[in-house]
C-alpha atoms as a PDB file:
ATOM      1  CA  MET A   1      11.612  -3.553 -13.464  1.00  0.00           C
ATOM      2  CA  LEU A   2      10.222  -2.556 -10.096  1.00  0.00           C
ATOM      3  CA  SER A   3       8.068   0.560 -10.112  1.00  0.00           C
ATOM      4  CA  PHE A   4       7.665   2.351  -6.796  1.00  0.00           C
ATOM      5  CA  CYS A   5       5.635   5.391  -5.888  1.00  0.00           C
ATOM      6  CA  ALA A   6       6.968   7.058  -2.756  1.00  0.00           C
ATOM      7  CA  GLY A   7       4.411   8.628  -0.466  1.00  0.00           C
ATOM      8  CA  LEU A   8       3.418   8.195   3.144  1.00  0.00           C
ATOM      9  CA  SER A   9       6.091   7.267   5.651  1.00  0.00           C
ATOM     10  CA  LEU A  10       6.014   3.743   7.052  1.00  0.00           C
ATOM     11  CA  ARG A  11       4.659   3.288  10.544  1.00  0.00           C
ATOM     12  CA  ILE A  12       5.009   0.576  13.181  1.00  0.00           C
ATOM     13  CA  SER A  13       2.404   0.951  15.860  1.00  0.00           C
ATOM     14  CA  MET A  14       2.458  -2.538  17.383  1.00  0.00           C
ATOM     15  CA  PRO A  15       5.147  -5.182  18.070  1.00  0.00           C
ATOM     16  CA  THR A  16       3.545  -7.684  15.687  1.00  0.00           C
ATOM     17  CA  MET A  17       4.687  -8.135  12.088  1.00  0.00           C
ATOM     18  CA  PRO A  18       3.615  -5.322   9.764  1.00  0.00           C
ATOM     19  CA  LEU A  19       0.146  -5.239   8.245  1.00  0.00           C
ATOM     20  CA  ILE A  20       0.370  -3.920   4.672  1.00  0.00           C
ATOM     21  CA  ALA A  21      -2.600  -2.727   2.620  1.00  0.00           C
ATOM     22  CA  VAL A  22      -2.791  -3.580  -1.073  1.00  0.00           C
ATOM     23  CA  THR A  23      -5.138  -1.229  -2.884  1.00  0.00           C
ATOM     24  CA  GLY A  24      -5.788  -0.050  -6.428  1.00  0.00           C
ATOM     25  CA  GLY A  25      -8.549   0.375  -8.943  1.00  0.00           C
ATOM     26  CA  ILE A  26     -10.888  -2.489  -9.690  1.00  0.00           C
ATOM     27  CA  GLY A  27      -9.298  -4.777 -12.268  1.00  0.00           C
ATOM     28  CA  CYS A  28      -5.801  -3.508 -11.482  1.00  0.00           C
ATOM     29  CA  GLY A  29      -4.478  -6.834 -10.187  1.00  0.00           C
ATOM     30  CA  LYS A  30      -4.809  -6.740  -6.386  1.00  0.00           C
ATOM     31  CA  THR A  31      -5.739 -10.414  -6.087  1.00  0.00           C
ATOM     32  CA  THR A  32      -2.933 -11.461  -8.406  1.00  0.00           C
ATOM     33  CA  VAL A  33      -0.412  -9.473  -6.376  1.00  0.00           C
ATOM     34  CA  LEU A  34      -1.677 -11.114  -3.183  1.00  0.00           C
ATOM     35  CA  GLY A  35      -0.934 -14.466  -4.782  1.00  0.00           C
ATOM     36  CA  CYS A  36       2.622 -13.370  -5.482  1.00  0.00           C
ATOM     37  CA  PHE A  37       3.171 -12.337  -1.861  1.00  0.00           C
ATOM     38  CA  GLN A  38       1.645 -15.605  -0.676  1.00  0.00           C
ATOM     39  CA  LYS A  39       4.215 -17.492  -2.758  1.00  0.00           C
ATOM     40  CA  GLN A  40       6.869 -15.439  -0.953  1.00  0.00           C
ATOM     41  CA  GLY A  41       5.648 -16.917   2.349  1.00  0.00           C
ATOM     42  CA  CYS A  42       3.498 -14.006   3.510  1.00  0.00           C
ATOM     43  CA  LEU A  43       0.051 -14.167   5.059  1.00  0.00           C
ATOM     44  CA  THR A  44      -2.608 -12.691   2.776  1.00  0.00           C
ATOM     45  CA  LEU A  45      -6.101 -11.416   3.447  1.00  0.00           C
ATOM     46  CA  ASP A  46      -8.741 -10.083   1.066  1.00  0.00           C
ATOM     47  CA  ALA A  47     -11.329  -7.615   2.317  1.00  0.00           C
ATOM     48  CA  ASP A  48     -13.782  -8.781  -0.352  1.00  0.00           C
ATOM     49  CA  GLU A  49     -13.467 -12.414   0.741  1.00  0.00           C
ATOM     50  CA  LEU A  50     -13.897 -11.467   4.382  1.00  0.00           C
ATOM     51  CA  ALA A  51     -16.970  -9.471   3.387  1.00  0.00           C
ATOM     52  CA  HIS A  52     -18.407 -12.616   1.769  1.00  0.00           C
ATOM     53  CA  GLU A  53     -18.698 -14.154   5.220  1.00  0.00           C
ATOM     54  CA  MET A  54     -21.055 -11.357   6.196  1.00  0.00           C
ATOM     55  CA  TYR A  55     -23.435 -12.417   3.400  1.00  0.00           C
ATOM     56  CA  LEU A  56     -23.987 -15.858   4.883  1.00  0.00           C
ATOM     57  CA  PRO A  57     -27.384 -16.807   6.349  1.00  0.00           C
ATOM     58  CA  GLY A  58     -27.943 -15.845   9.967  1.00  0.00           C
ATOM     59  CA  THR A  59     -25.348 -13.102  10.261  1.00  0.00           C
ATOM     60  CA  GLU A  60     -26.327  -9.642  11.447  1.00  0.00           C
ATOM     61  CA  ALA A  61     -25.465  -8.165   8.070  1.00  0.00           C
ATOM     62  CA  TRP A  62     -27.623 -10.797   6.321  1.00  0.00           C
ATOM     63  CA  ARG A  63     -30.555  -9.941   8.538  1.00  0.00           C
ATOM     64  CA  GLN A  64     -30.302  -6.223   7.964  1.00  0.00           C
ATOM     65  CA  MET A  65     -29.884  -6.546   4.202  1.00  0.00           C
ATOM     66  CA  THR A  66     -32.910  -8.801   3.848  1.00  0.00           C
ATOM     67  CA  ASP A  67     -34.933  -6.501   6.099  1.00  0.00           C
ATOM     68  CA  ARG A  68     -34.099  -3.582   3.822  1.00  0.00           C
ATOM     69  CA  TRP A  69     -34.238  -5.182   0.372  1.00  0.00           C
ATOM     70  CA  GLY A  70     -36.355  -8.296   0.869  1.00  0.00           C
ATOM     71  CA  LYS A  71     -35.707 -11.992   0.323  1.00  0.00           C
ATOM     72  CA  GLY A  72     -35.449 -11.386  -3.422  1.00  0.00           C
ATOM     73  CA  ILE A  73     -31.748 -10.665  -2.974  1.00  0.00           C
ATOM     74  CA  LEU A  74     -31.035 -14.206  -1.775  1.00  0.00           C
ATOM     75  CA  ALA A  75     -29.296 -16.917  -3.784  1.00  0.00           C
ATOM     76  CA  ALA A  76     -30.484 -20.516  -3.903  1.00  0.00           C
ATOM     77  CA  ASP A  77     -28.357 -21.454  -0.879  1.00  0.00           C
ATOM     78  CA  GLY A  78     -29.913 -18.731   1.253  1.00  0.00           C
ATOM     79  CA  SER A  79     -26.913 -16.404   1.234  1.00  0.00           C
ATOM     80  CA  VAL A  80     -27.165 -12.854  -0.048  1.00  0.00           C
ATOM     81  CA  ASP A  81     -26.514 -12.722  -3.794  1.00  0.00           C
ATOM     82  CA  ARG A  82     -23.706 -10.184  -4.224  1.00  0.00           C
ATOM     83  CA  LYS A  83     -24.658  -9.493  -7.840  1.00  0.00           C
ATOM     84  CA  ALA A  84     -28.198  -8.671  -6.794  1.00  0.00           C
ATOM     85  CA  VAL A  85     -26.877  -6.302  -4.150  1.00  0.00           C
ATOM     86  CA  ALA A  86     -24.455  -4.731  -6.650  1.00  0.00           C
ATOM     87  CA  ARG A  87     -27.330  -3.961  -9.018  1.00  0.00           C
ATOM     88  CA  ILE A  88     -29.047  -2.093  -6.185  1.00  0.00           C
ATOM     89  CA  VAL A  89     -26.171  -0.188  -4.649  1.00  0.00           C
ATOM     90  CA  PHE A  90     -24.340   0.828  -7.822  1.00  0.00           C
ATOM     91  CA  SER A  91     -27.483   2.388  -9.266  1.00  0.00           C
ATOM     92  CA  GLU A  92     -28.469   4.271  -6.112  1.00  0.00           C
ATOM     93  CA  GLN A  93     -25.886   6.196  -4.091  1.00  0.00           C
ATOM     94  CA  ARG A  94     -28.047   6.231  -0.963  1.00  0.00           C
ATOM     95  CA  GLU A  95     -28.214   2.437  -0.909  1.00  0.00           C
ATOM     96  CA  LEU A  96     -24.464   2.140  -1.379  1.00  0.00           C
ATOM     97  CA  ALA A  97     -23.903   4.502   1.552  1.00  0.00           C
ATOM     98  CA  TRP A  98     -26.222   2.420   3.730  1.00  0.00           C
ATOM     99  CA  LEU A  99     -24.442  -0.833   2.852  1.00  0.00           C
ATOM    100  CA  ASN A 100     -21.044   0.705   3.532  1.00  0.00           C
ATOM    101  CA  GLN A 101     -22.159   1.942   6.946  1.00  0.00           C
ATOM    102  CA  LEU A 102     -23.322  -1.561   7.776  1.00  0.00           C
ATOM    103  CA  LEU A 103     -20.390  -3.621   6.536  1.00  0.00           C
ATOM    104  CA  HIS A 104     -17.304  -1.462   6.827  1.00  0.00           C
ATOM    105  CA  PRO A 105     -16.979  -1.230  10.630  1.00  0.00           C
ATOM    106  CA  LEU A 106     -17.392  -5.002  10.918  1.00  0.00           C
ATOM    107  CA  LEU A 107     -14.931  -5.622   8.133  1.00  0.00           C
ATOM    108  CA  ARG A 108     -12.279  -3.253   9.436  1.00  0.00           C
ATOM    109  CA  GLU A 109     -12.394  -4.856  12.875  1.00  0.00           C
ATOM    110  CA  GLU A 110     -11.960  -8.328  11.378  1.00  0.00           C
ATOM    111  CA  ILE A 111      -9.007  -7.275   9.198  1.00  0.00           C
ATOM    112  CA  GLN A 112      -7.226  -5.719  12.143  1.00  0.00           C
ATOM    113  CA  ARG A 113      -7.923  -8.725  14.349  1.00  0.00           C
ATOM    114  CA  ARG A 114      -6.532 -11.236  11.873  1.00  0.00           C
ATOM    115  CA  GLY A 115      -3.593  -9.103  10.848  1.00  0.00           C
ATOM    116  CA  ARG A 116      -2.449  -8.082  14.304  1.00  0.00           C
ATOM    117  CA  GLN A 117      -2.545 -11.590  15.737  1.00  0.00           C
ATOM    118  CA  ASN A 118       0.087 -12.643  13.215  1.00  0.00           C
ATOM    119  CA  GLN A 119       3.541 -12.759  14.804  1.00  0.00           C
ATOM    120  CA  GLY A 120       5.628 -14.542  12.186  1.00  0.00           C
ATOM    121  CA  VAL A 121       5.449 -13.015   8.698  1.00  0.00           C
ATOM    122  CA  PHE A 122       4.269  -9.914   6.882  1.00  0.00           C
ATOM    123  CA  THR A 123       0.532  -9.709   6.276  1.00  0.00           C
ATOM    124  CA  PHE A 124      -0.753  -8.206   3.032  1.00  0.00           C
ATOM    125  CA  CYS A 125      -4.454  -7.367   2.839  1.00  0.00           C
ATOM    126  CA  ALA A 126      -6.293  -6.292  -0.307  1.00  0.00           C
ATOM    127  CA  VAL A 127      -8.513  -3.311   0.511  1.00  0.00           C
ATOM    128  CA  PRO A 128     -10.018  -1.855  -2.688  1.00  0.00           C
ATOM    129  CA  LEU A 129     -11.558   1.204  -0.983  1.00  0.00           C
ATOM    130  CA  LEU A 130      -8.728   1.962   1.425  1.00  0.00           C
ATOM    131  CA  TYR A 131      -8.579   5.688   0.638  1.00  0.00           C
ATOM    132  CA  GLU A 132     -12.288   6.112   0.125  1.00  0.00           C
ATOM    133  CA  LEU A 133     -12.910   4.655   3.592  1.00  0.00           C
ATOM    134  CA  GLY A 134     -10.114   6.536   5.339  1.00  0.00           C
ATOM    135  CA  TRP A 135      -8.526   3.353   6.739  1.00  0.00           C
ATOM    136  CA  LEU A 136      -4.902   4.444   6.392  1.00  0.00           C
ATOM    137  CA  ASP A 137      -4.189   4.500  10.123  1.00  0.00           C
ATOM    138  CA  GLY A 138      -4.933   0.795  10.378  1.00  0.00           C
ATOM    139  CA  PHE A 139      -1.971  -0.215   8.230  1.00  0.00           C
ATOM    140  CA  ASP A 140       1.802   0.109   8.412  1.00  0.00           C
ATOM    141  CA  ALA A 141       2.275   0.759   4.689  1.00  0.00           C
ATOM    142  CA  VAL A 142       0.270   0.909   1.474  1.00  0.00           C
ATOM    143  CA  VAL A 143       0.989  -0.745  -1.869  1.00  0.00           C
ATOM    144  CA  ALA A 144      -1.054   0.310  -4.900  1.00  0.00           C
ATOM    145  CA  THR A 145      -1.485  -1.838  -7.991  1.00  0.00           C
ATOM    146  CA  TRP A 146      -1.762  -0.083 -11.335  1.00  0.00           C
ATOM    147  CA  CYS A 147      -2.291  -0.810 -15.009  1.00  0.00           C
ATOM    148  CA  PRO A 148      -3.219   1.398 -17.977  1.00  0.00           C
ATOM    149  CA  ARG A 149      -6.887   2.380 -18.202  1.00  0.00           C
ATOM    150  CA  GLU A 150      -7.493   0.370 -21.395  1.00  0.00           C
ATOM    151  CA  VAL A 151      -6.040  -2.760 -19.749  1.00  0.00           C
ATOM    152  CA  GLN A 152      -8.202  -2.214 -16.675  1.00  0.00           C
ATOM    153  CA  ARG A 153     -11.392  -1.935 -18.730  1.00  0.00           C
ATOM    154  CA  GLU A 154     -10.548  -4.972 -20.852  1.00  0.00           C
ATOM    155  CA  ARG A 155     -10.006  -7.067 -17.736  1.00  0.00           C
ATOM    156  CA  LEU A 156     -13.425  -6.024 -16.459  1.00  0.00           C
ATOM    157  CA  ARG A 157     -15.054  -6.853 -19.799  1.00  0.00           C
ATOM    158  CA  GLN A 158     -13.525 -10.317 -19.539  1.00  0.00           C
ATOM    159  CA  ARG A 159     -15.425 -10.710 -16.271  1.00  0.00           C
ATOM    160  CA  GLY A 160     -18.618 -10.268 -18.263  1.00  0.00           C
ATOM    161  CA  TRP A 161     -19.269  -6.646 -17.329  1.00  0.00           C
ATOM    162  CA  SER A 162     -20.857  -4.221 -19.756  1.00  0.00           C
ATOM    163  CA  ASP A 163     -19.343  -0.786 -20.332  1.00  0.00           C
ATOM    164  CA  ASP A 164     -22.227   0.748 -18.372  1.00  0.00           C
ATOM    165  CA  GLU A 165     -21.510  -1.548 -15.419  1.00  0.00           C
ATOM    166  CA  ILE A 166     -17.810  -0.696 -15.595  1.00  0.00           C
ATOM    167  CA  ASP A 167     -18.540   3.029 -15.655  1.00  0.00           C
ATOM    168  CA  ALA A 168     -20.913   2.740 -12.693  1.00  0.00           C
ATOM    169  CA  ARG A 169     -18.367   0.884 -10.608  1.00  0.00           C
ATOM    170  CA  LEU A 170     -15.499   3.206 -11.501  1.00  0.00           C
ATOM    171  CA  ARG A 171     -17.551   6.232 -10.470  1.00  0.00           C
ATOM    172  CA  THR A 172     -17.616   4.922  -6.904  1.00  0.00           C
ATOM    173  CA  GLN A 173     -13.807   4.818  -6.610  1.00  0.00           C
ATOM    174  CA  LEU A 174     -10.837   7.104  -6.859  1.00  0.00           C
ATOM    175  CA  ALA A 175      -8.938   6.760 -10.106  1.00  0.00           C
ATOM    176  CA  ALA A 176      -6.162   4.163 -10.121  1.00  0.00           C
ATOM    177  CA  GLU A 177      -3.655   6.923 -10.868  1.00  0.00           C
ATOM    178  CA  GLU A 178      -4.649   8.847  -7.754  1.00  0.00           C
ATOM    179  CA  LYS A 179      -4.346   5.748  -5.577  1.00  0.00           C
ATOM    180  CA  LEU A 180      -0.892   5.148  -6.991  1.00  0.00           C
ATOM    181  CA  GLU A 181       0.174   8.705  -6.210  1.00  0.00           C
ATOM    182  CA  ARG A 182      -1.011   8.421  -2.605  1.00  0.00           C
ATOM    183  CA  ALA A 183       0.539   5.033  -1.881  1.00  0.00           C
ATOM    184  CA  ASP A 184       3.898   4.245  -0.307  1.00  0.00           C
ATOM    185  CA  TYR A 185       4.753   1.875  -3.151  1.00  0.00           C
ATOM    186  CA  GLY A 186       3.322   0.879  -6.502  1.00  0.00           C
ATOM    187  CA  ILE A 187       3.328  -2.295  -8.558  1.00  0.00           C
ATOM    188  CA  VAL A 188       2.597  -2.263 -12.284  1.00  0.00           C
ATOM    189  CA  THR A 189       0.521  -5.324 -13.203  1.00  0.00           C
ATOM    190  CA  SER A 190       0.385  -4.952 -16.999  1.00  0.00           C
ATOM    191  CA  CYS A 191       3.476  -7.113 -17.403  1.00  0.00           C
ATOM    192  CA  THR A 192       4.620 -10.715 -17.597  1.00  0.00           C
ATOM    193  CA  TRP A 193       4.122 -13.121 -14.705  1.00  0.00           C
ATOM    194  CA  GLU A 194       7.885 -13.240 -14.256  1.00  0.00           C
ATOM    195  CA  SER A 195       8.109  -9.472 -13.998  1.00  0.00           C
ATOM    196  CA  LEU A 196       5.248  -9.342 -11.505  1.00  0.00           C
ATOM    197  CA  ASP A 197       6.894 -11.959  -9.297  1.00  0.00           C
ATOM    198  CA  GLU A 198      10.135  -9.995  -9.438  1.00  0.00           C
ATOM    199  CA  GLN A 199       8.410  -6.756  -8.455  1.00  0.00           C
ATOM    200  CA  CYS A 200       6.732  -8.388  -5.464  1.00  0.00           C
ATOM    201  CA  ALA A 201       9.932 -10.110  -4.327  1.00  0.00           C
ATOM    202  CA  GLU A 202      11.912  -6.868  -4.549  1.00  0.00           C
ATOM    203  CA  LEU A 203       9.203  -4.936  -2.739  1.00  0.00           C
ATOM    204  CA  LEU A 204       9.047  -7.488   0.063  1.00  0.00           C
ATOM    205  CA  ALA A 205      12.837  -7.306   0.466  1.00  0.00           C
ATOM    206  CA  LEU A 206      12.647  -3.522   0.607  1.00  0.00           C
ATOM    207  CA  LEU A 207       9.866  -3.576   3.199  1.00  0.00           C
ATOM    208  CA  LYS A 208      11.829  -5.981   5.386  1.00  0.00           C
ATOM    209  CA  GLN A 209      14.828  -3.708   5.134  1.00  0.00           C
ATOM    210  CA  ARG A 210      12.881  -0.558   5.948  1.00  0.00           C
ATOM    211  CA  PHE A 211      11.027  -2.062   8.895  1.00  0.00           C
ATOM    212  CA  ALA A 212      14.206  -3.598  10.286  1.00  0.00           C
ATOM    213  CA  LYS A 213      15.647  -0.089  10.479  1.00  0.00           C
ATOM    214  CA  LYS A 214      12.677   0.932  12.617  1.00  0.00           C
ATOM    215  CA  ASP A 215      13.250  -1.824  15.201  1.00  0.00           C
END
C-alpha cells in the first residue's frame, strides 16, 4: 500500500521535466527506490555517485583533499579512498564541515546541470543530505524513503559497519522520521519488492498527474 507524507507544495520553475529529490536516512533504501524509478523509464542520478567523480586523480577536489590530509588518504589507483576520508570527517566535525564546503557547491551545480538538461522524462536524484544542506529550492518535489530504526541499523550492519560507526554517521543527519515529515511524499522500504515497485509506480503516476495540472 502506498504511503505518502504530504508537505511542501510542488513547484515548476523551468519548462524542462521535473527534477525530484529522493532523500532519507542512511540505509533507508534511496538507491533501491532509484532503481524502481529507473525501471519505470525515469532518469536517475545519485549525489553520492556524482561525488565519486570528484575523488578521481587530478580534480580540484582531489588536490585540495590531498593538500589537507596528505597522500595517505589515497587508494592504490591514486583516487581518494572514501573510507579513509570517512574515518577522518566522521570523527572530527571541523573536518566534515571543511569537506562539505569543498564538495557541495560543485555537486549541487552538477546535479542541476544534468537534471535540467533532461527534456523527456522525470529525473529522480538521490540526495541524502537534502535538508541538512538546504537544497530544497533546487528541486520540484521531494520524496523521502523510510524504514523502522531497527531495520535501518541492521542494513548498515550488513554493510560491515560497527555500532559505533553507525552512531557516528547518524549523528551527522536528521532522523529519518523528520525527513519523512518534511517531504512531499514518502515511500516505506521495509516491504516486499513487489510492494516497493507498486509504491514507486503509483507515486510516479501521481506526480505526472499533479504536474500536468500545473501546465
